[in-house]
């Protein structure tokens, strides 16, 4: 199978990542912020030292960069879970459901976690090895899903039908050339379907 990294095009990654900044992640506070934090869609009534809180990714990154908090690895990004994602994709037809903005948020979090890899060590693997294994699984998962998505769209074009893109993430769609080709030809497919319907009436 062809291997790629998680970002098929830098502009695709930037667009999707910007939208994923609202993803909630858990932080463990190192300091205390007593003031109420007013965000676009959320109000946080203070953050307290040695306590955990769920905050949007963009705030978590700011707290991490200023050493006021550490970011906890989400359950959906842990090594065992990424293996499960791959098994689910291999065993089931169609794209399986993922966390919204899964790939772009995962990539950004891995960059953060690499700064303190020892925090993610397991009984069997060092922290660095664990993060490397997670990244490998994410790349593998991305390739499997990309091939599935291409097959879905190719079949739809061949049958002159709209594809079932349920569970395809926006990041996957905007980075896929086949999807662009489908989008460009969708009007033609639609007109052909109408033409066939009119002739059969």
N, C-alpha and C. Protein backbone atom coordinates (compact mmCIF):
# COMPACT_ATOMS: atom_id res chain seq x y z
N UNK A 1 0.85 -1.21 0.00
CA UNK A 1 0.00 0.00 0.00
C UNK A 1 0.88 1.25 0.00
N UNK A 2 0.47 2.22 -0.76
CA UNK A 2 1.22 3.48 -0.84
C UNK A 2 1.16 4.20 0.50
N UNK A 3 2.31 4.71 0.96
CA UNK A 3 2.31 5.43 2.24
C UNK A 3 2.44 6.92 2.03
N UNK A 4 1.76 7.67 2.86
CA UNK A 4 1.82 9.13 2.78
C UNK A 4 1.86 9.66 4.19
N UNK A 5 2.17 10.93 4.34
CA UNK A 5 2.02 11.52 5.66
C UNK A 5 0.59 12.02 5.79
N UNK A 6 0.28 12.59 6.96
CA UNK A 6 -1.10 12.94 7.25
C UNK A 6 -1.57 14.19 6.54
N UNK A 7 -0.67 14.95 5.94
CA UNK A 7 -1.07 16.21 5.31
C UNK A 7 -0.83 16.14 3.82
N UNK A 8 -1.85 15.78 3.03
CA UNK A 8 -1.66 15.67 1.60
C UNK A 8 -1.37 16.99 0.94
N UNK A 9 -1.80 18.09 1.54
CA UNK A 9 -1.49 19.42 1.01
C UNK A 9 -1.50 20.38 2.18
N UNK A 10 -0.52 21.30 2.21
CA UNK A 10 -0.39 22.17 3.37
C UNK A 10 -1.61 23.05 3.56
N UNK A 11 -2.20 23.53 2.45
CA UNK A 11 -3.37 24.39 2.59
C UNK A 11 -4.56 23.60 3.11
N UNK A 12 -4.67 22.32 2.72
CA UNK A 12 -5.74 21.47 3.22
C UNK A 12 -5.61 21.30 4.72
N UNK A 13 -4.38 21.03 5.17
CA UNK A 13 -4.16 20.83 6.60
C UNK A 13 -4.47 22.10 7.37
N UNK A 14 -4.02 23.25 6.86
CA UNK A 14 -4.25 24.52 7.55
C UNK A 14 -5.73 24.81 7.69
N UNK A 15 -6.48 24.61 6.61
CA UNK A 15 -7.92 24.87 6.64
C UNK A 15 -8.62 23.99 7.65
N UNK A 16 -8.36 22.68 7.59
CA UNK A 16 -9.03 21.75 8.48
C UNK A 16 -8.57 21.93 9.92
N UNK A 17 -7.27 22.19 10.11
CA UNK A 17 -6.75 22.36 11.47
C UNK A 17 -7.35 23.58 12.14
N UNK A 18 -7.53 24.66 11.40
CA UNK A 18 -8.12 25.86 11.97
C UNK A 18 -9.51 25.56 12.52
N UNK A 19 -10.29 24.76 11.79
CA UNK A 19 -11.63 24.42 12.24
C UNK A 19 -11.59 23.45 13.42
N UNK A 20 -10.50 22.70 13.56
CA UNK A 20 -10.38 21.75 14.66
C UNK A 20 -9.91 22.36 15.96
N UNK A 21 -9.62 23.65 15.95
CA UNK A 21 -9.09 24.31 17.15
C UNK A 21 -10.10 24.34 18.30
N UNK A 22 -11.38 24.14 18.00
CA UNK A 22 -12.40 24.13 19.06
C UNK A 22 -12.52 22.77 19.74
N UNK A 23 -11.81 21.77 19.26
CA UNK A 23 -11.86 20.45 19.87
C UNK A 23 -11.47 20.53 21.34
N UNK A 24 -12.28 19.93 22.19
CA UNK A 24 -12.00 19.97 23.63
C UNK A 24 -10.95 18.93 23.99
N UNK A 25 -9.96 19.36 24.75
CA UNK A 25 -8.93 18.46 25.28
C UNK A 25 -8.78 18.73 26.77
N UNK A 26 -8.20 17.78 27.47
CA UNK A 26 -8.02 17.92 28.92
C UNK A 26 -6.63 18.45 29.23
N UNK A 27 -6.57 19.46 30.09
CA UNK A 27 -5.29 19.99 30.55
C UNK A 27 -5.17 19.75 32.05
N UNK A 28 -3.95 19.59 32.50
CA UNK A 28 -3.65 19.50 33.93
C UNK A 28 -2.90 20.77 34.30
N UNK A 29 -3.52 21.57 35.15
CA UNK A 29 -2.99 22.90 35.43
C UNK A 29 -1.75 22.85 36.34
N UNK A 30 -0.78 23.70 36.02
CA UNK A 30 0.41 23.89 36.86
C UNK A 30 0.32 25.17 37.67
N UNK A 31 -0.56 26.05 37.26
CA UNK A 31 -0.77 27.32 37.96
C UNK A 31 -2.26 27.57 38.08
N UNK A 32 -2.61 28.72 38.65
CA UNK A 32 -4.02 29.06 38.85
C UNK A 32 -4.35 30.34 38.09
N UNK A 33 -5.48 30.30 37.40
CA UNK A 33 -6.03 31.50 36.76
C UNK A 33 -7.39 31.73 37.40
N UNK A 34 -7.50 32.74 38.22
CA UNK A 34 -8.74 32.96 38.98
C UNK A 34 -9.79 33.69 38.16
N UNK A 35 -9.35 34.49 37.20
CA UNK A 35 -10.30 35.28 36.42
C UNK A 35 -11.13 34.39 35.50
N UNK A 36 -12.35 34.82 35.24
CA UNK A 36 -13.19 34.13 34.27
C UNK A 36 -12.62 34.34 32.86
N UNK A 37 -12.54 33.26 32.11
CA UNK A 37 -12.02 33.32 30.74
C UNK A 37 -13.20 33.27 29.79
N UNK A 38 -13.40 34.34 29.04
CA UNK A 38 -14.50 34.42 28.09
C UNK A 38 -14.00 34.07 26.69
N UNK A 39 -14.47 32.94 26.18
CA UNK A 39 -14.10 32.49 24.85
C UNK A 39 -15.28 32.67 23.91
N UNK A 40 -15.09 32.37 22.65
CA UNK A 40 -16.15 32.60 21.67
C UNK A 40 -17.43 31.84 22.01
N UNK A 41 -17.29 30.55 22.31
CA UNK A 41 -18.47 29.72 22.57
C UNK A 41 -18.47 29.11 23.96
N UNK A 42 -17.67 29.66 24.84
CA UNK A 42 -17.51 29.02 26.14
C UNK A 42 -17.02 30.03 27.17
N UNK A 43 -17.47 29.85 28.41
CA UNK A 43 -16.99 30.69 29.51
C UNK A 43 -16.42 29.76 30.57
N UNK A 44 -15.16 30.00 30.94
CA UNK A 44 -14.49 29.16 31.94
C UNK A 44 -14.28 29.98 33.20
N UNK A 45 -14.83 29.50 34.30
CA UNK A 45 -14.78 30.24 35.56
C UNK A 45 -13.53 29.86 36.36
N UNK A 46 -12.38 30.23 35.82
CA UNK A 46 -11.13 30.00 36.52
C UNK A 46 -10.57 28.60 36.28
N UNK A 47 -9.24 28.50 36.36
CA UNK A 47 -8.53 27.23 36.23
C UNK A 47 -7.60 27.12 37.43
N UNK A 48 -7.61 25.97 38.10
CA UNK A 48 -6.93 25.86 39.38
C UNK A 48 -5.78 24.86 39.33
N UNK A 49 -4.71 25.22 40.02
CA UNK A 49 -3.48 24.42 40.04
C UNK A 49 -3.76 22.99 40.52
N UNK A 50 -3.12 22.04 39.86
CA UNK A 50 -3.21 20.60 40.16
C UNK A 50 -4.59 20.01 39.85
N UNK A 51 -5.42 20.75 39.15
CA UNK A 51 -6.71 20.22 38.74
C UNK A 51 -6.76 20.10 37.22
N UNK A 52 -7.62 19.22 36.77
CA UNK A 52 -7.80 19.03 35.33
C UNK A 52 -9.04 19.77 34.86
N UNK A 53 -9.01 20.17 33.60
CA UNK A 53 -10.16 20.87 33.02
C UNK A 53 -10.19 20.61 31.52
N UNK A 54 -11.40 20.61 30.98
CA UNK A 54 -11.56 20.49 29.53
C UNK A 54 -11.62 21.88 28.92
N UNK A 55 -10.74 22.14 27.97
CA UNK A 55 -10.70 23.45 27.32
C UNK A 55 -10.51 23.25 25.82
N UNK A 56 -10.85 24.25 25.00
CA UNK A 56 -10.60 24.13 23.56
C UNK A 56 -9.11 23.99 23.27
N UNK A 57 -8.79 23.33 22.18
CA UNK A 57 -7.40 23.08 21.82
C UNK A 57 -6.58 24.36 21.77
N UNK A 58 -7.14 25.42 21.20
CA UNK A 58 -6.35 26.65 21.06
C UNK A 58 -5.95 27.22 22.42
N UNK A 59 -6.82 27.10 23.43
CA UNK A 59 -6.48 27.56 24.77
C UNK A 59 -5.48 26.62 25.42
N UNK A 60 -5.66 25.32 25.21
CA UNK A 60 -4.73 24.34 25.77
C UNK A 60 -3.31 24.58 25.25
N UNK A 61 -3.19 24.89 23.97
CA UNK A 61 -1.87 25.15 23.39
C UNK A 61 -1.24 26.41 23.99
N UNK A 62 -2.07 27.41 24.23
CA UNK A 62 -1.56 28.64 24.84
C UNK A 62 -1.09 28.38 26.27
N UNK A 63 -1.88 27.62 27.03
CA UNK A 63 -1.50 27.28 28.41
C UNK A 63 -0.23 26.44 28.42
N UNK A 64 -0.10 25.54 27.46
CA UNK A 64 1.10 24.70 27.37
C UNK A 64 2.32 25.54 27.03
N UNK A 65 2.18 26.42 26.05
CA UNK A 65 3.31 27.25 25.61
C UNK A 65 3.81 28.18 26.71
N UNK A 66 2.90 28.60 27.59
CA UNK A 66 3.29 29.50 28.69
C UNK A 66 3.58 28.72 29.98
N UNK A 67 3.66 27.39 29.86
CA UNK A 67 4.01 26.50 30.97
C UNK A 67 3.03 26.60 32.14
N UNK A 68 1.79 26.92 31.83
CA UNK A 68 0.77 26.96 32.88
C UNK A 68 0.01 25.65 32.98
N UNK A 69 0.19 24.76 32.00
CA UNK A 69 -0.53 23.49 32.01
C UNK A 69 0.16 22.48 31.11
N UNK A 70 -0.12 21.21 31.37
CA UNK A 70 0.26 20.15 30.44
C UNK A 70 -1.02 19.66 29.76
N UNK A 71 -0.87 19.12 28.58
CA UNK A 71 -2.02 18.60 27.84
C UNK A 71 -2.03 17.08 27.98
N UNK A 72 -3.16 16.54 28.40
CA UNK A 72 -3.29 15.10 28.58
C UNK A 72 -3.61 14.43 27.24
N UNK A 73 -3.06 13.24 27.06
CA UNK A 73 -3.37 12.53 25.82
C UNK A 73 -4.82 12.05 25.85
N UNK A 74 -5.61 12.40 24.82
CA UNK A 74 -7.01 11.95 24.78
C UNK A 74 -7.08 10.42 24.66
N UNK A 75 -8.13 9.85 25.21
CA UNK A 75 -8.33 8.40 25.10
C UNK A 75 -8.36 7.96 23.64
N UNK A 76 -8.96 8.82 22.78
CA UNK A 76 -9.12 8.43 21.38
C UNK A 76 -7.81 8.47 20.58
N UNK A 77 -6.73 8.94 21.22
CA UNK A 77 -5.44 8.99 20.52
C UNK A 77 -4.44 7.97 21.06
N UNK A 78 -4.80 7.24 22.11
CA UNK A 78 -3.86 6.31 22.72
C UNK A 78 -3.56 5.14 21.77
N UNK A 79 -2.42 4.50 22.00
CA UNK A 79 -1.90 3.49 21.08
C UNK A 79 -2.90 2.36 20.83
N UNK A 80 -3.48 1.81 21.89
CA UNK A 80 -4.42 0.71 21.72
C UNK A 80 -5.62 1.14 20.89
N UNK A 81 -6.07 2.38 21.09
CA UNK A 81 -7.24 2.86 20.36
C UNK A 81 -6.92 3.02 18.87
N UNK A 82 -5.70 3.47 18.56
CA UNK A 82 -5.36 3.62 17.13
C UNK A 82 -5.29 2.26 16.44
N UNK A 83 -4.87 1.24 17.19
CA UNK A 83 -4.89 -0.12 16.62
C UNK A 83 -6.32 -0.57 16.35
N UNK A 84 -7.21 -0.22 17.27
CA UNK A 84 -8.63 -0.58 17.10
C UNK A 84 -9.21 0.08 15.86
N UNK A 85 -8.86 1.36 15.64
CA UNK A 85 -9.35 2.06 14.45
C UNK A 85 -8.96 1.31 13.18
N UNK A 86 -7.71 0.89 13.12
CA UNK A 86 -7.22 0.18 11.93
C UNK A 86 -7.98 -1.12 11.74
N UNK A 87 -8.16 -1.89 12.82
CA UNK A 87 -8.89 -3.15 12.73
C UNK A 87 -10.32 -2.93 12.25
N UNK A 88 -10.96 -1.89 12.78
CA UNK A 88 -12.33 -1.59 12.37
C UNK A 88 -12.42 -1.27 10.88
N UNK A 89 -11.45 -0.49 10.39
CA UNK A 89 -11.46 -0.13 8.97
C UNK A 89 -11.23 -1.36 8.09
N UNK A 90 -10.34 -2.25 8.54
CA UNK A 90 -10.01 -3.43 7.75
C UNK A 90 -11.16 -4.44 7.73
N UNK A 91 -11.92 -4.48 8.82
CA UNK A 91 -12.94 -5.53 8.96
C UNK A 91 -14.32 -5.10 8.48
N UNK A 92 -14.54 -3.80 8.28
CA UNK A 92 -15.88 -3.32 7.94
C UNK A 92 -15.88 -2.53 6.64
N UNK A 93 -16.94 -2.67 5.84
CA UNK A 93 -17.05 -1.86 4.62
C UNK A 93 -17.39 -0.42 4.96
N UNK A 94 -17.08 0.48 4.06
CA UNK A 94 -17.39 1.89 4.31
C UNK A 94 -16.44 2.49 5.33
N UNK A 95 -16.44 3.80 5.40
CA UNK A 95 -15.60 4.50 6.36
C UNK A 95 -16.21 4.43 7.75
N UNK A 96 -15.39 4.15 8.75
CA UNK A 96 -15.86 4.07 10.12
C UNK A 96 -15.77 5.44 10.79
N UNK A 97 -16.60 5.65 11.80
CA UNK A 97 -16.68 6.96 12.44
C UNK A 97 -15.41 7.27 13.23
N UNK A 98 -14.94 8.50 13.12
CA UNK A 98 -13.78 8.98 13.87
C UNK A 98 -14.16 10.25 14.63
N UNK A 99 -13.33 10.59 15.60
CA UNK A 99 -13.45 11.88 16.27
C UNK A 99 -13.40 12.99 15.22
N UNK A 100 -14.30 14.00 15.32
CA UNK A 100 -14.22 15.12 14.37
C UNK A 100 -12.83 15.76 14.37
N UNK A 101 -12.33 16.10 13.20
CA UNK A 101 -10.99 16.71 13.05
C UNK A 101 -9.89 15.80 13.60
N UNK A 102 -10.11 14.50 13.45
CA UNK A 102 -9.23 13.51 14.06
C UNK A 102 -7.77 13.66 13.63
N UNK A 103 -7.53 13.70 12.33
CA UNK A 103 -6.15 13.66 11.85
C UNK A 103 -5.39 14.95 12.14
N UNK A 104 -6.02 16.09 11.88
CA UNK A 104 -5.29 17.34 12.08
C UNK A 104 -5.03 17.62 13.56
N UNK A 105 -6.00 17.29 14.43
CA UNK A 105 -5.81 17.50 15.87
C UNK A 105 -4.77 16.52 16.40
N UNK A 106 -4.84 15.27 15.95
CA UNK A 106 -3.85 14.27 16.37
C UNK A 106 -2.44 14.70 16.03
N UNK A 107 -2.26 15.19 14.82
CA UNK A 107 -0.93 15.62 14.39
C UNK A 107 -0.40 16.74 15.27
N UNK A 108 -1.26 17.70 15.58
CA UNK A 108 -0.82 18.83 16.42
C UNK A 108 -0.49 18.37 17.83
N UNK A 109 -1.29 17.47 18.37
CA UNK A 109 -1.04 16.98 19.73
C UNK A 109 0.26 16.17 19.80
N UNK A 110 0.55 15.40 18.77
CA UNK A 110 1.79 14.62 18.79
C UNK A 110 3.01 15.54 18.84
N UNK A 111 2.93 16.68 18.18
CA UNK A 111 4.03 17.65 18.24
C UNK A 111 4.25 18.10 19.68
N UNK A 112 3.14 18.35 20.39
CA UNK A 112 3.22 18.75 21.80
C UNK A 112 3.80 17.63 22.65
N UNK A 113 3.30 16.42 22.47
CA UNK A 113 3.71 15.31 23.32
C UNK A 113 5.18 14.95 23.13
N UNK A 114 5.73 15.22 21.94
CA UNK A 114 7.15 14.91 21.71
C UNK A 114 8.08 15.79 22.53
N UNK A 115 7.59 16.89 23.05
CA UNK A 115 8.44 17.75 23.87
C UNK A 115 8.75 17.11 25.22
N UNK A 116 7.85 16.24 25.69
CA UNK A 116 8.07 15.52 26.95
C UNK A 116 7.66 14.06 26.75
N UNK A 117 8.40 13.33 25.93
CA UNK A 117 7.97 11.98 25.55
C UNK A 117 7.89 11.00 26.71
N UNK A 118 8.73 11.18 27.75
CA UNK A 118 8.74 10.23 28.85
C UNK A 118 7.40 10.14 29.57
N UNK A 119 6.59 11.18 29.46
CA UNK A 119 5.28 11.17 30.12
C UNK A 119 4.33 10.15 29.48
N UNK A 120 4.70 9.63 28.31
CA UNK A 120 3.80 8.73 27.59
C UNK A 120 4.38 7.32 27.47
N UNK A 121 5.34 7.00 28.35
CA UNK A 121 5.92 5.66 28.36
C UNK A 121 4.89 4.65 28.88
N UNK A 122 5.01 3.41 28.39
CA UNK A 122 4.15 2.33 28.87
C UNK A 122 5.03 1.22 29.42
N UNK A 123 4.40 0.14 29.86
CA UNK A 123 5.17 -0.97 30.41
C UNK A 123 6.08 -1.60 29.36
N UNK A 124 5.64 -1.55 28.11
CA UNK A 124 6.38 -2.23 27.03
C UNK A 124 7.25 -1.30 26.19
N UNK A 125 6.89 -0.01 26.14
CA UNK A 125 7.56 0.91 25.23
C UNK A 125 7.97 2.19 25.95
N UNK A 126 9.08 2.77 25.51
CA UNK A 126 9.44 4.09 26.00
C UNK A 126 8.44 5.11 25.47
N UNK A 127 8.47 6.32 26.03
CA UNK A 127 7.57 7.35 25.56
C UNK A 127 7.77 7.67 24.09
N UNK A 128 9.03 7.78 23.67
CA UNK A 128 9.33 8.09 22.27
C UNK A 128 8.83 6.98 21.35
N UNK A 129 9.03 5.73 21.77
CA UNK A 129 8.58 4.60 20.95
C UNK A 129 7.05 4.55 20.88
N UNK A 130 6.40 4.88 21.98
CA UNK A 130 4.93 4.92 21.99
C UNK A 130 4.41 5.95 21.00
N UNK A 131 4.98 7.15 21.04
CA UNK A 131 4.54 8.21 20.14
C UNK A 131 4.83 7.86 18.68
N UNK A 132 5.96 7.22 18.45
CA UNK A 132 6.30 6.80 17.09
C UNK A 132 5.31 5.75 16.59
N UNK A 133 4.92 4.82 17.47
CA UNK A 133 3.96 3.79 17.09
C UNK A 133 2.59 4.40 16.81
N UNK A 134 2.20 5.38 17.60
CA UNK A 134 0.93 6.07 17.36
C UNK A 134 0.96 6.76 16.00
N UNK A 135 2.06 7.45 15.71
CA UNK A 135 2.18 8.14 14.43
C UNK A 135 2.13 7.15 13.27
N UNK A 136 2.80 6.02 13.42
CA UNK A 136 2.78 4.98 12.39
C UNK A 136 1.35 4.50 12.15
N UNK A 137 0.62 4.26 13.23
CA UNK A 137 -0.77 3.81 13.11
C UNK A 137 -1.66 4.86 12.44
N UNK A 138 -1.43 6.12 12.78
CA UNK A 138 -2.23 7.19 12.17
C UNK A 138 -1.98 7.27 10.67
N UNK A 139 -0.72 7.15 10.27
CA UNK A 139 -0.41 7.17 8.84
C UNK A 139 -1.03 5.98 8.12
N UNK A 140 -0.96 4.82 8.77
CA UNK A 140 -1.55 3.61 8.20
C UNK A 140 -3.07 3.77 8.08
N UNK A 141 -3.69 4.28 9.13
CA UNK A 141 -5.14 4.50 9.12
C UNK A 141 -5.54 5.48 8.03
N UNK A 142 -4.76 6.54 7.89
CA UNK A 142 -5.06 7.55 6.87
C UNK A 142 -5.01 6.94 5.47
N UNK A 143 -4.00 6.11 5.21
CA UNK A 143 -3.86 5.49 3.89
C UNK A 143 -5.01 4.52 3.61
N UNK A 144 -5.39 3.74 4.62
CA UNK A 144 -6.50 2.80 4.44
C UNK A 144 -7.78 3.55 4.11
N UNK A 145 -8.06 4.60 4.87
CA UNK A 145 -9.29 5.37 4.66
C UNK A 145 -9.25 6.12 3.32
N UNK A 146 -8.09 6.61 2.94
CA UNK A 146 -7.98 7.32 1.67
C UNK A 146 -8.30 6.39 0.50
N UNK A 147 -7.79 5.16 0.57
CA UNK A 147 -8.09 4.20 -0.50
C UNK A 147 -9.57 3.86 -0.52
N UNK A 148 -10.16 3.68 0.66
CA UNK A 148 -11.60 3.42 0.73
C UNK A 148 -12.39 4.56 0.11
N UNK A 149 -11.98 5.77 0.44
CA UNK A 149 -12.69 6.95 -0.06
C UNK A 149 -12.58 7.05 -1.58
N UNK A 150 -11.40 6.77 -2.11
CA UNK A 150 -11.23 6.77 -3.57
C UNK A 150 -12.14 5.73 -4.22
N UNK A 151 -12.21 4.55 -3.61
CA UNK A 151 -13.05 3.48 -4.17
C UNK A 151 -14.52 3.88 -4.15
N UNK A 152 -14.96 4.50 -3.05
CA UNK A 152 -16.35 4.95 -2.94
C UNK A 152 -16.69 5.95 -4.04
N UNK A 153 -15.78 6.91 -4.25
CA UNK A 153 -16.03 7.96 -5.24
C UNK A 153 -15.94 7.41 -6.66
N UNK A 154 -14.97 6.54 -6.92
CA UNK A 154 -14.85 5.93 -8.25
C UNK A 154 -16.11 5.14 -8.60
N UNK A 155 -16.62 4.40 -7.63
CA UNK A 155 -17.85 3.62 -7.86
C UNK A 155 -19.02 4.54 -8.14
N UNK A 156 -19.12 5.64 -7.39
CA UNK A 156 -20.21 6.59 -7.58
C UNK A 156 -20.15 7.22 -8.97
N UNK A 157 -18.95 7.60 -9.40
CA UNK A 157 -18.80 8.20 -10.73
C UNK A 157 -19.17 7.18 -11.81
N UNK A 158 -18.73 5.94 -11.63
CA UNK A 158 -19.04 4.90 -12.61
C UNK A 158 -20.54 4.63 -12.71
N UNK A 159 -21.23 4.74 -11.58
CA UNK A 159 -22.68 4.47 -11.56
C UNK A 159 -23.52 5.73 -11.71
N UNK A 160 -22.84 6.88 -11.87
CA UNK A 160 -23.53 8.17 -12.00
C UNK A 160 -24.47 8.43 -10.82
N UNK A 161 -23.96 8.16 -9.64
CA UNK A 161 -24.72 8.38 -8.41
C UNK A 161 -23.90 9.23 -7.44
N UNK A 162 -24.58 9.86 -6.50
CA UNK A 162 -23.87 10.59 -5.45
C UNK A 162 -23.24 9.58 -4.49
N UNK A 163 -21.98 9.80 -4.09
CA UNK A 163 -21.33 8.84 -3.19
C UNK A 163 -21.84 8.99 -1.77
N UNK A 164 -21.73 7.91 -1.02
CA UNK A 164 -22.04 7.95 0.41
C UNK A 164 -20.77 8.34 1.15
N UNK A 165 -20.69 9.61 1.56
CA UNK A 165 -19.48 10.12 2.22
C UNK A 165 -19.65 10.19 3.73
N UNK A 166 -20.61 9.42 4.26
CA UNK A 166 -20.79 9.37 5.71
C UNK A 166 -19.48 8.97 6.39
N UNK A 167 -19.12 9.69 7.42
CA UNK A 167 -17.91 9.45 8.23
C UNK A 167 -16.62 9.89 7.57
N UNK A 168 -16.68 10.46 6.37
CA UNK A 168 -15.47 11.06 5.79
C UNK A 168 -15.24 12.41 6.45
N UNK A 169 -14.04 12.65 6.93
CA UNK A 169 -13.75 13.93 7.57
C UNK A 169 -13.47 14.99 6.51
N UNK A 170 -13.68 16.24 6.87
CA UNK A 170 -13.43 17.33 5.92
C UNK A 170 -11.97 17.34 5.51
N UNK A 171 -11.08 17.06 6.42
CA UNK A 171 -9.66 17.02 6.13
C UNK A 171 -9.35 15.99 5.04
N UNK A 172 -10.00 14.83 5.13
CA UNK A 172 -9.78 13.80 4.11
C UNK A 172 -10.32 14.25 2.76
N UNK A 173 -11.46 14.90 2.77
CA UNK A 173 -12.09 15.29 1.51
C UNK A 173 -11.32 16.39 0.79
N UNK A 174 -10.91 17.43 1.52
CA UNK A 174 -10.27 18.55 0.84
C UNK A 174 -8.85 18.22 0.41
N UNK A 175 -8.30 17.13 0.92
CA UNK A 175 -6.96 16.74 0.52
C UNK A 175 -6.93 15.66 -0.54
N UNK A 176 -8.09 15.30 -1.07
CA UNK A 176 -8.17 14.17 -1.98
C UNK A 176 -8.45 14.64 -3.40
N UNK A 177 -7.52 14.39 -4.32
CA UNK A 177 -7.70 14.83 -5.70
C UNK A 177 -8.91 14.17 -6.35
N UNK A 178 -9.16 12.91 -5.99
CA UNK A 178 -10.31 12.21 -6.56
C UNK A 178 -11.60 12.93 -6.19
N UNK A 179 -11.65 13.46 -4.96
CA UNK A 179 -12.85 14.18 -4.53
C UNK A 179 -13.02 15.44 -5.36
N UNK A 180 -11.92 16.13 -5.65
CA UNK A 180 -12.01 17.34 -6.47
C UNK A 180 -12.53 16.97 -7.87
N UNK A 181 -12.01 15.88 -8.41
CA UNK A 181 -12.49 15.45 -9.72
C UNK A 181 -13.98 15.14 -9.67
N UNK A 182 -14.39 14.49 -8.58
CA UNK A 182 -15.82 14.19 -8.44
C UNK A 182 -16.64 15.47 -8.34
N UNK A 183 -16.17 16.43 -7.53
CA UNK A 183 -16.89 17.68 -7.37
C UNK A 183 -17.03 18.40 -8.71
N UNK A 184 -15.94 18.39 -9.50
CA UNK A 184 -15.96 19.07 -10.80
C UNK A 184 -16.93 18.40 -11.78
N UNK A 185 -17.09 17.09 -11.65
CA UNK A 185 -17.93 16.38 -12.61
C UNK A 185 -19.32 16.09 -12.08
N UNK A 186 -19.62 16.51 -10.85
CA UNK A 186 -20.91 16.17 -10.24
C UNK A 186 -22.07 16.75 -11.04
N UNK A 187 -21.92 17.99 -11.50
CA UNK A 187 -23.00 18.63 -12.26
C UNK A 187 -23.29 17.83 -13.52
N UNK A 188 -22.21 17.39 -14.18
CA UNK A 188 -22.39 16.60 -15.41
C UNK A 188 -23.12 15.30 -15.09
N UNK A 189 -22.72 14.64 -13.99
CA UNK A 189 -23.38 13.40 -13.59
C UNK A 189 -24.86 13.64 -13.33
N UNK A 190 -25.14 14.74 -12.63
CA UNK A 190 -26.52 15.08 -12.29
C UNK A 190 -27.35 15.32 -13.56
N UNK A 191 -26.77 16.05 -14.52
CA UNK A 191 -27.49 16.31 -15.77
C UNK A 191 -27.73 15.02 -16.55
N UNK A 192 -26.75 14.13 -16.54
CA UNK A 192 -26.92 12.86 -17.24
C UNK A 192 -28.06 12.05 -16.62
N UNK A 193 -28.14 12.07 -15.28
CA UNK A 193 -29.20 11.34 -14.59
C UNK A 193 -30.56 11.91 -14.95
N UNK A 194 -30.65 13.24 -15.01
CA UNK A 194 -31.91 13.88 -15.38
C UNK A 194 -32.28 13.54 -16.82
N UNK A 195 -31.26 13.51 -17.69
CA UNK A 195 -31.49 13.20 -19.11
C UNK A 195 -32.04 11.78 -19.26
N UNK A 196 -31.41 10.83 -18.52
CA UNK A 196 -31.86 9.44 -18.58
C UNK A 196 -33.29 9.31 -18.08
N UNK A 197 -33.61 10.04 -16.99
CA UNK A 197 -34.95 9.98 -16.42
C UNK A 197 -35.98 10.52 -17.41
N UNK A 198 -35.63 11.62 -18.09
CA UNK A 198 -36.56 12.23 -19.04
C UNK A 198 -36.81 11.29 -20.22
N UNK A 199 -35.75 10.62 -20.68
CA UNK A 199 -35.90 9.74 -21.84
C UNK A 199 -36.69 8.47 -21.51
N UNK A 200 -36.61 8.07 -20.24
CA UNK A 200 -37.31 6.84 -19.86
C UNK A 200 -38.77 7.11 -19.50
N UNK A 201 -39.14 8.42 -19.39
CA UNK A 201 -40.51 8.76 -19.00
C UNK A 201 -41.49 8.49 -20.14
